[in-house]
Amino acid sequence: MAIDVAAQVLSEVDAVAVWKSLIHEKNPQVVARTMEYLTDRVYGHPTQTVQGNPEQPVTIQLQWASTPGMVTIRLRELAGQSHHHVY
């Protein structure tokens, strides 16, 4: 129900005009957040560093609804490296 209402509202709005109006706002915080959101949508989020230590390795668990069970990725410290990059 909520998805139907949201879809109807969005179908009736000129989204390009709304985004352009937000970019031209007087409030610089609104402009910055709008630009950040749009840039992230076009180019993706910047990579983030995941840090751990040899005694407590970092564990990231990813789960897809269409895949039975849990897919687990374990990131462990490598000799001489203090962090890993997740892409």
C-alpha atoms as a PDB file:
ATOM      1  CA  MET A   1       0.000   0.000   0.000  1.00  0.00           C
ATOM      2  CA  ALA A   2       2.674   2.537   1.003  1.00  0.00           C
ATOM      3  CA  ILE A   3       4.724   1.645  -2.079  1.00  0.00           C
ATOM      4  CA  ASP A   4       1.679   2.236  -4.294  1.00  0.00           C
ATOM      5  CA  VAL A   5       1.095   5.661  -2.723  1.00  0.00           C
ATOM      6  CA  ALA A   6       4.777   6.612  -3.067  1.00  0.00           C
ATOM      7  CA  ALA A   7       4.817   5.465  -6.703  1.00  0.00           C
ATOM      8  CA  GLN A   8       1.703   7.511  -7.443  1.00  0.00           C
ATOM      9  CA  VAL A   9       3.129  10.641  -5.815  1.00  0.00           C
ATOM     10  CA  LEU A  10       6.441  10.277  -7.656  1.00  0.00           C
ATOM     11  CA  SER A  11       4.669   9.726 -10.975  1.00  0.00           C
ATOM     12  CA  GLU A  12       2.906  13.064 -10.510  1.00  0.00           C
ATOM     13  CA  VAL A  13       6.020  15.080  -9.652  1.00  0.00           C
ATOM     14  CA  ASP A  14       8.529  16.650 -12.030  1.00  0.00           C
ATOM     15  CA  ALA A  15      11.554  15.135 -10.270  1.00  0.00           C
ATOM     16  CA  VAL A  16      14.091  17.028 -12.399  1.00  0.00           C
ATOM     17  CA  ALA A  17      12.497  20.342 -11.485  1.00  0.00           C
ATOM     18  CA  VAL A  18      12.492  19.417  -7.788  1.00  0.00           C
ATOM     19  CA  TRP A  19      16.193  18.444  -7.837  1.00  0.00           C
ATOM     20  CA  LYS A  20      17.068  21.642  -9.729  1.00  0.00           C
ATOM     21  CA  SER A  21      15.169  23.740  -7.193  1.00  0.00           C
ATOM     22  CA  LEU A  22      17.090  22.060  -4.357  1.00  0.00           C
ATOM     23  CA  ILE A  23      20.419  22.797  -6.070  1.00  0.00           C
ATOM     24  CA  HIS A  24      19.463  26.492  -6.259  1.00  0.00           C
ATOM     25  CA  GLU A  25      18.332  26.767  -2.615  1.00  0.00           C
ATOM     26  CA  LYS A  26      19.620  29.679  -0.538  1.00  0.00           C
ATOM     27  CA  ASN A  27      20.614  27.338   2.296  1.00  0.00           C
ATOM     28  CA  PRO A  28      24.131  26.042   1.504  1.00  0.00           C
ATOM     29  CA  GLN A  29      23.532  22.915   3.603  1.00  0.00           C
ATOM     30  CA  VAL A  30      20.589  21.929   1.400  1.00  0.00           C
ATOM     31  CA  VAL A  31      22.698  22.493  -1.718  1.00  0.00           C
ATOM     32  CA  ALA A  32      25.612  20.470  -0.318  1.00  0.00           C
ATOM     33  CA  ARG A  33      23.408  17.544   0.735  1.00  0.00           C
ATOM     34  CA  THR A  34      21.591  17.573  -2.603  1.00  0.00           C
ATOM     35  CA  MET A  35      24.858  17.546  -4.529  1.00  0.00           C
ATOM     36  CA  GLU A  36      26.254  14.796  -2.297  1.00  0.00           C
ATOM     37  CA  TYR A  37      23.160  12.643  -2.817  1.00  0.00           C
ATOM     38  CA  LEU A  38      23.106  13.120  -6.585  1.00  0.00           C
ATOM     39  CA  THR A  39      26.857  12.532  -6.898  1.00  0.00           C
ATOM     40  CA  ASP A  40      26.584   9.319  -4.857  1.00  0.00           C
ATOM     41  CA  ARG A  41      23.701   8.141  -7.049  1.00  0.00           C
ATOM     42  CA  VAL A  42      25.694   8.737 -10.237  1.00  0.00           C
ATOM     43  CA  TYR A  43      29.182   7.640  -9.146  1.00  0.00           C
ATOM     44  CA  GLY A  44      28.472   5.500  -6.069  1.00  0.00           C
ATOM     45  CA  HIS A  45      29.642   6.004  -2.510  1.00  0.00           C
ATOM     46  CA  PRO A  46      33.360   6.510  -1.943  1.00  0.00           C
ATOM     47  CA  THR A  47      35.255   3.431  -0.757  1.00  0.00           C
ATOM     48  CA  GLN A  48      35.483   3.042   2.990  1.00  0.00           C
ATOM     49  CA  THR A  49      38.310   1.541   5.006  1.00  0.00           C
ATOM     50  CA  VAL A  50      37.522  -1.347   7.316  1.00  0.00           C
ATOM     51  CA  GLN A  51      40.037  -1.746  10.133  1.00  0.00           C
ATOM     52  CA  GLY A  52      40.564  -4.574  12.569  1.00  0.00           C
ATOM     53  CA  ASN A  53      43.410  -6.162  14.463  1.00  0.00           C
ATOM     54  CA  PRO A  54      44.989  -9.650  14.563  1.00  0.00           C
ATOM     55  CA  GLU A  55      43.251 -10.545  17.845  1.00  0.00           C
ATOM     56  CA  GLN A  56      39.798  -9.492  16.649  1.00  0.00           C
ATOM     57  CA  PRO A  57      39.473  -9.883  12.862  1.00  0.00           C
ATOM     58  CA  VAL A  58      36.636  -8.035  11.154  1.00  0.00           C
ATOM     59  CA  THR A  59      33.716 -10.160   9.953  1.00  0.00           C
ATOM     60  CA  ILE A  60      31.205  -8.853   7.422  1.00  0.00           C
ATOM     61  CA  GLN A  61      28.121 -10.933   6.664  1.00  0.00           C
ATOM     62  CA  LEU A  62      26.100 -10.381   3.498  1.00  0.00           C
ATOM     63  CA  GLN A  63      22.737 -12.047   2.878  1.00  0.00           C
ATOM     64  CA  TRP A  64      20.658 -12.120  -0.271  1.00  0.00           C
ATOM     65  CA  ALA A  65      16.985 -13.000  -0.086  1.00  0.00           C
ATOM     66  CA  SER A  66      17.187 -15.240  -3.153  1.00  0.00           C
ATOM     67  CA  THR A  67      20.213 -17.191  -1.892  1.00  0.00           C
ATOM     68  CA  PRO A  68      19.628 -19.811   0.782  1.00  0.00           C
ATOM     69  CA  GLY A  69      21.923 -19.525   3.773  1.00  0.00           C
ATOM     70  CA  MET A  70      24.386 -16.838   4.703  1.00  0.00           C
ATOM     71  CA  VAL A  71      27.275 -15.648   2.606  1.00  0.00           C
ATOM     72  CA  THR A  72      30.125 -14.727   4.904  1.00  0.00           C
ATOM     73  CA  ILE A  73      33.229 -12.801   4.054  1.00  0.00           C
ATOM     74  CA  ARG A  74      35.957 -12.756   6.679  1.00  0.00           C
ATOM     75  CA  LEU A  75      38.515 -10.007   6.485  1.00  0.00           C
ATOM     76  CA  ARG A  76      41.645 -10.798   8.453  1.00  0.00           C
ATOM     77  CA  GLU A  77      44.718  -8.736   9.032  1.00  0.00           C
ATOM     78  CA  LEU A  78      47.447  -9.515   6.556  1.00  0.00           C
ATOM     79  CA  ALA A  79      51.053  -9.537   7.687  1.00  0.00           C
ATOM     80  CA  GLY A  80      52.377  -5.971   7.618  1.00  0.00           C
ATOM     81  CA  GLN A  81      49.029  -4.347   6.742  1.00  0.00           C
ATOM     82  CA  SER A  82      46.894  -2.443   9.198  1.00  0.00           C
ATOM     83  CA  HIS A  83      43.719  -2.085   7.089  1.00  0.00           C
ATOM     84  CA  HIS A  84      41.758  -3.405   4.121  1.00  0.00           C
ATOM     85  CA  HIS A  85      39.777  -1.562   1.494  1.00  0.00           C
ATOM     86  CA  VAL A  86      36.250  -2.705   0.621  1.00  0.00           C
ATOM     87  CA  TYR A  87      35.274  -2.031  -2.987  1.00  0.00           C
END
